[in-house]
C-alpha atoms as a PDB file:
ATOM      1  CA  UNK A   1      -7.124 -18.868  -3.567  1.00  0.00           C
ATOM      2  CA  UNK A   2      -6.988 -15.110  -3.536  1.00  0.00           C
ATOM      3  CA  UNK A   3      -4.387 -13.185  -5.436  1.00  0.00           C
ATOM      4  CA  UNK A   4      -2.158 -10.896  -3.416  1.00  0.00           C
ATOM      5  CA  UNK A   5      -0.305  -7.858  -4.614  1.00  0.00           C
ATOM      6  CA  UNK A   6       3.128  -7.407  -3.091  1.00  0.00           C
ATOM      7  CA  UNK A   7       4.055  -3.825  -2.279  1.00  0.00           C
ATOM      8  CA  UNK A   8       7.822  -3.778  -1.872  1.00  0.00           C
ATOM      9  CA  UNK A   9       9.678  -0.726  -0.586  1.00  0.00           C
ATOM     10  CA  UNK A  10      12.758   0.309   1.322  1.00  0.00           C
ATOM     11  CA  UNK A  11      14.172   3.394   2.955  1.00  0.00           C
ATOM     12  CA  UNK A  12      17.471   4.382   4.531  1.00  0.00           C
ATOM     13  CA  UNK A  13      18.168   4.884   8.184  1.00  0.00           C
ATOM     14  CA  UNK A  14      16.461   3.721  11.323  1.00  0.00           C
ATOM     15  CA  UNK A  15      13.056   2.155  11.883  1.00  0.00           C
ATOM     16  CA  UNK A  16      10.161   4.381  10.876  1.00  0.00           C
ATOM     17  CA  UNK A  17       6.383   4.403  11.099  1.00  0.00           C
ATOM     18  CA  UNK A  18       4.871   3.397   7.755  1.00  0.00           C
ATOM     19  CA  UNK A  19       1.323   3.817   6.430  1.00  0.00           C
ATOM     20  CA  UNK A  20       0.185   2.317   3.104  1.00  0.00           C
ATOM     21  CA  UNK A  21      -3.133   3.298   1.538  1.00  0.00           C
ATOM     22  CA  UNK A  22      -4.839   2.246  -1.694  1.00  0.00           C
ATOM     23  CA  UNK A  23      -6.832   4.824  -3.693  1.00  0.00           C
ATOM     24  CA  UNK A  24      -9.097   4.487  -6.719  1.00  0.00           C
ATOM     25  CA  UNK A  25      -8.714   6.499  -9.945  1.00  0.00           C
ATOM     26  CA  UNK A  26     -10.608   9.406  -8.345  1.00  0.00           C
ATOM     27  CA  UNK A  27      -8.166   9.337  -5.396  1.00  0.00           C
ATOM     28  CA  UNK A  28     -10.872   8.078  -3.021  1.00  0.00           C
ATOM     29  CA  UNK A  29      -9.520   5.896  -0.220  1.00  0.00           C
ATOM     30  CA  UNK A  30     -10.195   2.218  -0.933  1.00  0.00           C
ATOM     31  CA  UNK A  31      -8.156   0.452   1.743  1.00  0.00           C
ATOM     32  CA  UNK A  32      -5.587   1.164   4.436  1.00  0.00           C
ATOM     33  CA  UNK A  33      -3.101  -1.719   4.293  1.00  0.00           C
ATOM     34  CA  UNK A  34      -1.045  -0.737   7.337  1.00  0.00           C
ATOM     35  CA  UNK A  35      -1.147   2.344   9.547  1.00  0.00           C
ATOM     36  CA  UNK A  36       1.785   3.602  11.599  1.00  0.00           C
ATOM     37  CA  UNK A  37       3.404   0.171  11.484  1.00  0.00           C
ATOM     38  CA  UNK A  38       7.014   0.004  12.628  1.00  0.00           C
ATOM     39  CA  UNK A  39       9.239  -1.049   9.714  1.00  0.00           C
ATOM     40  CA  UNK A  40      13.034  -1.401   9.607  1.00  0.00           C
ATOM     41  CA  UNK A  41      15.202   0.843   7.469  1.00  0.00           C
ATOM     42  CA  UNK A  42      17.981  -0.362   5.220  1.00  0.00           C
ATOM     43  CA  UNK A  43      16.271  -3.461   3.827  1.00  0.00           C
ATOM     44  CA  UNK A  44      13.351  -4.478   1.639  1.00  0.00           C
ATOM     45  CA  UNK A  45       9.940  -4.421   3.309  1.00  0.00           C
ATOM     46  CA  UNK A  46       6.966  -6.195   1.722  1.00  0.00           C
ATOM     47  CA  UNK A  47       3.319  -5.643   2.603  1.00  0.00           C
ATOM     48  CA  UNK A  48       0.329  -7.145   0.804  1.00  0.00           C
ATOM     49  CA  UNK A  49      -3.008  -6.077  -0.639  1.00  0.00           C
ATOM     50  CA  UNK A  50      -5.631  -8.745  -1.378  1.00  0.00           C
ATOM     51  CA  UNK A  51      -7.616  -6.575  -3.815  1.00  0.00           C
ATOM     52  CA  UNK A  52     -10.378  -5.865  -1.293  1.00  0.00           C
ATOM     53  CA  UNK A  53     -11.752  -2.614   0.081  1.00  0.00           C
ATOM     54  CA  UNK A  54     -12.410  -1.607   3.693  1.00  0.00           C
ATOM     55  CA  UNK A  55     -15.702  -3.572   3.622  1.00  0.00           C
ATOM     56  CA  UNK A  56     -13.861  -6.699   2.413  1.00  0.00           C
ATOM     57  CA  UNK A  57     -15.438  -6.497  -1.055  1.00  0.00           C
ATOM     58  CA  UNK A  58     -13.320  -7.320  -4.091  1.00  0.00           C
ATOM     59  CA  UNK A  59     -12.650  -4.072  -5.933  1.00  0.00           C
ATOM     60  CA  UNK A  60     -13.777  -3.599  -9.556  1.00  0.00           C
ATOM     61  CA  UNK A  61     -11.263  -3.903 -12.382  1.00  0.00           C
ATOM     62  CA  UNK A  62      -9.344  -0.726 -13.034  1.00  0.00           C
ATOM     63  CA  UNK A  63      -6.392   1.420 -12.080  1.00  0.00           C
ATOM     64  CA  UNK A  64      -5.557   1.956  -8.423  1.00  0.00           C
ATOM     65  CA  UNK A  65      -2.807   3.906  -6.737  1.00  0.00           C
ATOM     66  CA  UNK A  66      -0.889   3.259  -3.567  1.00  0.00           C
ATOM     67  CA  UNK A  67       0.742   5.835  -1.323  1.00  0.00           C
ATOM     68  CA  UNK A  68       3.416   4.889   1.183  1.00  0.00           C
ATOM     69  CA  UNK A  69       4.004   7.398   3.962  1.00  0.00           C
ATOM     70  CA  UNK A  70       7.380   6.785   5.618  1.00  0.00           C
ATOM     71  CA  UNK A  71       8.036   8.667   8.827  1.00  0.00           C
ATOM     72  CA  UNK A  72       6.906  12.277   8.889  1.00  0.00           C
ATOM     73  CA  UNK A  73       8.037  13.572   5.522  1.00  0.00           C
ATOM     74  CA  UNK A  74       8.755  10.789   3.021  1.00  0.00           C
ATOM     75  CA  UNK A  75       6.150   9.629   0.496  1.00  0.00           C
ATOM     76  CA  UNK A  76       6.228   7.181  -2.358  1.00  0.00           C
ATOM     77  CA  UNK A  77       3.546   6.449  -4.954  1.00  0.00           C
ATOM     78  CA  UNK A  78       2.777   3.623  -7.336  1.00  0.00           C
ATOM     79  CA  UNK A  79       0.102   2.334  -9.675  1.00  0.00           C
ATOM     80  CA  UNK A  80      -1.708  -1.029  -9.633  1.00  0.00           C
ATOM     81  CA  UNK A  81      -3.824  -2.452 -12.464  1.00  0.00           C
ATOM     82  CA  UNK A  82      -6.545  -4.786 -11.194  1.00  0.00           C
ATOM     83  CA  UNK A  83      -7.869  -7.361 -13.706  1.00  0.00           C
ATOM     84  CA  UNK A  84      -9.892 -10.237 -12.314  1.00  0.00           C
END
């Protein structure tokens, strides 16, 4: 069984296009979770990261960051600690 990291977020208003990306400590792109996915406003949205990179390799232990782009001008950031 693989662990999954839940990325939970919400925003006000109507449906918007959402992109979620994972970056390593050097801010290099590790994985794009979703890109321009339509998500509803006004309630909690949850997307998942399985701890793998774009080549489907499990990432090394360490600190990772996620960036959520909501619509054209809204961004949110967070930090993930990976320990396998």
